[in-house]
N, C-alpha and C. Protein backbone atom coordinates (compact mmCIF):
# COMPACT_ATOMS: atom_id res chain seq x y z
N UNK A 1 0.52 17.64 -14.26
CA UNK A 1 0.83 16.64 -13.25
C UNK A 1 2.30 16.24 -13.40
N UNK A 2 3.08 16.24 -12.31
CA UNK A 2 4.49 15.88 -12.43
C UNK A 2 4.66 14.41 -12.80
N UNK A 3 5.68 14.13 -13.54
CA UNK A 3 5.97 12.76 -13.95
C UNK A 3 6.45 11.96 -12.75
N UNK A 4 5.92 10.75 -12.61
CA UNK A 4 6.29 9.89 -11.49
C UNK A 4 7.54 9.09 -11.81
N UNK A 5 8.37 8.89 -10.80
CA UNK A 5 9.58 8.11 -10.99
C UNK A 5 9.22 6.63 -11.07
N UNK A 6 10.16 5.83 -11.54
CA UNK A 6 9.95 4.39 -11.62
C UNK A 6 9.64 3.81 -10.25
N UNK A 7 10.36 4.26 -9.23
CA UNK A 7 10.14 3.74 -7.89
C UNK A 7 8.76 4.12 -7.38
N UNK A 8 8.28 5.34 -7.67
CA UNK A 8 6.93 5.73 -7.27
C UNK A 8 5.89 4.86 -7.95
N UNK A 9 6.12 4.52 -9.21
CA UNK A 9 5.17 3.66 -9.92
C UNK A 9 5.16 2.25 -9.33
N UNK A 10 6.29 1.80 -8.80
CA UNK A 10 6.33 0.47 -8.18
C UNK A 10 5.60 0.46 -6.85
N UNK A 11 5.69 1.55 -6.09
CA UNK A 11 5.05 1.62 -4.78
C UNK A 11 3.56 1.88 -4.90
N UNK A 12 3.16 2.68 -5.86
CA UNK A 12 1.76 3.04 -6.05
C UNK A 12 1.39 2.86 -7.52
N UNK A 13 1.33 1.60 -7.99
CA UNK A 13 1.10 1.36 -9.42
C UNK A 13 -0.30 1.74 -9.86
N UNK A 14 -0.40 2.20 -11.09
CA UNK A 14 -1.68 2.63 -11.63
C UNK A 14 -2.68 1.47 -11.77
N UNK A 15 -2.20 0.23 -11.92
CA UNK A 15 -3.13 -0.87 -12.12
C UNK A 15 -3.94 -1.21 -10.86
N UNK A 16 -3.63 -0.58 -9.72
CA UNK A 16 -4.44 -0.77 -8.52
C UNK A 16 -5.56 0.24 -8.41
N UNK A 17 -5.70 1.10 -9.39
CA UNK A 17 -6.76 2.10 -9.39
C UNK A 17 -7.87 1.65 -10.34
N UNK A 18 -9.08 2.13 -10.08
CA UNK A 18 -10.20 1.78 -10.96
C UNK A 18 -10.00 2.45 -12.31
N UNK A 19 -10.83 2.08 -13.25
CA UNK A 19 -10.73 2.65 -14.59
C UNK A 19 -10.82 4.16 -14.57
N UNK A 20 -11.60 4.71 -13.64
CA UNK A 20 -11.72 6.16 -13.57
C UNK A 20 -10.52 6.79 -12.87
N UNK A 21 -9.70 5.95 -12.19
CA UNK A 21 -8.52 6.45 -11.50
C UNK A 21 -8.83 7.04 -10.14
N UNK A 22 -10.08 6.96 -9.72
CA UNK A 22 -10.47 7.61 -8.47
C UNK A 22 -10.46 6.67 -7.27
N UNK A 23 -10.78 5.41 -7.47
CA UNK A 23 -10.91 4.47 -6.35
C UNK A 23 -9.83 3.41 -6.44
N UNK A 24 -8.95 3.41 -5.46
CA UNK A 24 -7.89 2.41 -5.42
C UNK A 24 -8.49 1.09 -4.93
N UNK A 25 -7.90 -0.02 -5.33
CA UNK A 25 -8.45 -1.33 -4.96
C UNK A 25 -8.54 -1.48 -3.44
N UNK A 26 -7.60 -0.89 -2.70
CA UNK A 26 -7.66 -0.96 -1.25
C UNK A 26 -8.93 -0.30 -0.72
N UNK A 27 -9.30 0.84 -1.27
CA UNK A 27 -10.52 1.53 -0.83
C UNK A 27 -11.77 0.72 -1.18
N UNK A 28 -11.75 0.06 -2.31
CA UNK A 28 -12.87 -0.82 -2.67
C UNK A 28 -12.97 -1.97 -1.68
N UNK A 29 -11.83 -2.53 -1.28
CA UNK A 29 -11.80 -3.60 -0.27
C UNK A 29 -12.37 -3.08 1.05
N UNK A 30 -11.94 -1.89 1.44
CA UNK A 30 -12.40 -1.29 2.70
C UNK A 30 -13.90 -1.07 2.69
N UNK A 31 -14.44 -0.58 1.59
CA UNK A 31 -15.87 -0.35 1.48
C UNK A 31 -16.66 -1.66 1.52
N UNK A 32 -16.08 -2.70 0.97
CA UNK A 32 -16.76 -3.99 0.91
C UNK A 32 -16.72 -4.72 2.24
N UNK A 33 -15.54 -4.76 2.89
CA UNK A 33 -15.36 -5.59 4.07
C UNK A 33 -15.30 -4.83 5.39
N UNK A 34 -15.20 -3.51 5.33
CA UNK A 34 -15.20 -2.71 6.56
C UNK A 34 -13.81 -2.37 7.05
N UNK A 35 -13.80 -1.46 8.03
CA UNK A 35 -12.54 -0.93 8.54
C UNK A 35 -11.69 -1.96 9.27
N UNK A 36 -12.30 -2.81 10.06
CA UNK A 36 -11.51 -3.78 10.83
C UNK A 36 -10.76 -4.74 9.89
N UNK A 37 -11.46 -5.26 8.91
CA UNK A 37 -10.82 -6.17 7.94
C UNK A 37 -9.75 -5.43 7.15
N UNK A 38 -10.02 -4.18 6.78
CA UNK A 38 -9.04 -3.40 6.03
C UNK A 38 -7.80 -3.13 6.86
N UNK A 39 -7.98 -2.84 8.14
CA UNK A 39 -6.82 -2.61 9.02
C UNK A 39 -5.96 -3.88 9.11
N UNK A 40 -6.61 -5.03 9.29
CA UNK A 40 -5.86 -6.30 9.36
C UNK A 40 -5.15 -6.59 8.04
N UNK A 41 -5.81 -6.29 6.93
CA UNK A 41 -5.18 -6.49 5.63
C UNK A 41 -3.94 -5.60 5.49
N UNK A 42 -4.05 -4.37 5.97
CA UNK A 42 -2.90 -3.46 5.91
C UNK A 42 -1.72 -4.00 6.73
N UNK A 43 -2.02 -4.46 7.92
CA UNK A 43 -0.95 -4.98 8.78
C UNK A 43 -0.31 -6.23 8.17
N UNK A 44 -1.15 -7.09 7.59
CA UNK A 44 -0.61 -8.27 6.91
C UNK A 44 0.30 -7.87 5.76
N UNK A 45 -0.17 -6.94 4.93
CA UNK A 45 0.63 -6.52 3.77
C UNK A 45 1.93 -5.84 4.21
N UNK A 46 1.87 -5.02 5.25
CA UNK A 46 3.09 -4.39 5.75
C UNK A 46 4.09 -5.45 6.20
N UNK A 47 3.59 -6.44 6.93
CA UNK A 47 4.46 -7.54 7.38
C UNK A 47 5.08 -8.27 6.20
N UNK A 48 4.25 -8.55 5.20
CA UNK A 48 4.71 -9.27 4.00
C UNK A 48 5.86 -8.52 3.33
N UNK A 49 5.69 -7.21 3.14
CA UNK A 49 6.73 -6.45 2.46
C UNK A 49 7.98 -6.28 3.31
N UNK A 50 7.83 -6.16 4.62
CA UNK A 50 9.02 -6.09 5.49
C UNK A 50 9.76 -7.42 5.49
N UNK A 51 9.01 -8.50 5.49
CA UNK A 51 9.62 -9.83 5.52
C UNK A 51 10.42 -10.12 4.25
N UNK A 52 9.87 -9.71 3.11
CA UNK A 52 10.52 -10.09 1.86
C UNK A 52 11.54 -9.07 1.36
N UNK A 53 11.64 -7.90 2.02
CA UNK A 53 12.58 -6.90 1.50
C UNK A 53 13.98 -7.48 1.47
N UNK A 54 14.64 -7.25 0.38
CA UNK A 54 15.99 -7.78 0.21
C UNK A 54 16.05 -9.22 -0.24
N UNK A 55 14.89 -9.88 -0.29
CA UNK A 55 14.88 -11.29 -0.72
C UNK A 55 14.35 -11.43 -2.14
N UNK A 56 13.34 -10.63 -2.46
CA UNK A 56 12.68 -10.77 -3.75
C UNK A 56 13.58 -10.31 -4.89
N UNK A 57 14.15 -9.16 -4.75
CA UNK A 57 14.99 -8.61 -5.81
C UNK A 57 16.46 -8.60 -5.40
N UNK A 58 17.27 -8.47 -6.37
CA UNK A 58 18.71 -8.52 -6.10
C UNK A 58 19.30 -7.14 -5.87
N UNK A 59 18.50 -6.08 -6.03
CA UNK A 59 19.07 -4.74 -5.94
C UNK A 59 18.63 -4.02 -4.67
N UNK A 60 19.39 -3.03 -4.32
CA UNK A 60 19.05 -2.19 -3.18
C UNK A 60 17.73 -1.45 -3.46
N UNK A 61 17.52 -1.06 -4.70
CA UNK A 61 16.28 -0.37 -5.08
C UNK A 61 15.06 -1.24 -4.81
N UNK A 62 15.15 -2.54 -5.10
CA UNK A 62 14.05 -3.46 -4.84
C UNK A 62 13.75 -3.54 -3.34
N UNK A 63 14.80 -3.61 -2.52
CA UNK A 63 14.62 -3.69 -1.08
C UNK A 63 13.97 -2.41 -0.55
N UNK A 64 14.43 -1.27 -1.05
CA UNK A 64 13.86 0.02 -0.64
C UNK A 64 12.39 0.09 -1.05
N UNK A 65 12.10 -0.36 -2.24
CA UNK A 65 10.72 -0.35 -2.75
C UNK A 65 9.81 -1.18 -1.84
N UNK A 66 10.25 -2.35 -1.43
CA UNK A 66 9.45 -3.18 -0.53
C UNK A 66 9.21 -2.48 0.80
N UNK A 67 10.21 -1.81 1.34
CA UNK A 67 10.04 -1.09 2.60
C UNK A 67 9.11 0.10 2.43
N UNK A 68 9.17 0.76 1.28
CA UNK A 68 8.24 1.86 1.01
C UNK A 68 6.81 1.35 0.92
N UNK A 69 6.62 0.17 0.35
CA UNK A 69 5.28 -0.43 0.28
C UNK A 69 4.79 -0.75 1.69
N UNK A 70 5.68 -1.26 2.55
CA UNK A 70 5.30 -1.56 3.93
C UNK A 70 4.86 -0.28 4.64
N UNK A 71 5.61 0.79 4.46
CA UNK A 71 5.25 2.08 5.06
C UNK A 71 3.90 2.54 4.56
N UNK A 72 3.66 2.38 3.28
CA UNK A 72 2.39 2.80 2.68
C UNK A 72 1.21 2.07 3.33
N UNK A 73 1.36 0.77 3.56
CA UNK A 73 0.28 0.02 4.20
C UNK A 73 0.13 0.40 5.67
N UNK A 74 1.22 0.71 6.34
CA UNK A 74 1.11 1.18 7.72
C UNK A 74 0.41 2.54 7.77
N UNK A 75 0.67 3.38 6.79
CA UNK A 75 -0.02 4.67 6.71
C UNK A 75 -1.51 4.47 6.46
N UNK A 76 -1.86 3.50 5.62
CA UNK A 76 -3.28 3.18 5.43
C UNK A 76 -3.91 2.77 6.76
N UNK A 77 -3.24 1.90 7.53
CA UNK A 77 -3.77 1.44 8.81
C UNK A 77 -3.93 2.60 9.77
N UNK A 78 -2.97 3.50 9.81
CA UNK A 78 -3.06 4.68 10.67
C UNK A 78 -4.26 5.53 10.25
N UNK A 79 -4.45 5.70 8.95
CA UNK A 79 -5.59 6.48 8.47
C UNK A 79 -6.91 5.88 8.89
N UNK A 80 -7.01 4.57 8.90
CA UNK A 80 -8.24 3.91 9.33
C UNK A 80 -8.48 4.19 10.81
N UNK A 81 -7.43 4.07 11.62
CA UNK A 81 -7.58 4.32 13.06
C UNK A 81 -7.91 5.78 13.35
N UNK A 82 -7.29 6.69 12.62
CA UNK A 82 -7.56 8.11 12.81
C UNK A 82 -9.00 8.45 12.41
N UNK A 83 -9.47 7.86 11.32
CA UNK A 83 -10.84 8.12 10.86
C UNK A 83 -11.86 7.58 11.87
N UNK A 84 -11.48 6.51 12.57
CA UNK A 84 -12.36 5.92 13.56
C UNK A 84 -12.56 6.85 14.76
N UNK A 85 -11.58 7.73 15.02
CA UNK A 85 -11.67 8.67 16.14
C UNK A 85 -12.58 9.85 15.83
N UNK A 86 -12.87 10.07 14.57
CA UNK A 86 -13.67 11.24 14.18
C UNK A 86 -15.14 11.01 14.35
């Protein structure tokens, strides 16, 4: 398995995965509360990270990391909508 960069670990940290490493906390949320709630949670989180980018950290890397997190949540939301079409 290739070594992950520091920025990759910030965007997709290991502590959000279950002990087995198979189920991310977001997927557990989705299974518990359903697709509609998960989609809204994704949109909220994307908004949160876009809003705070450049404010939380003092570096350009921190701002980029927040925008990457926003993109990741938007991708989750897209995946939920795409799965709904199947």
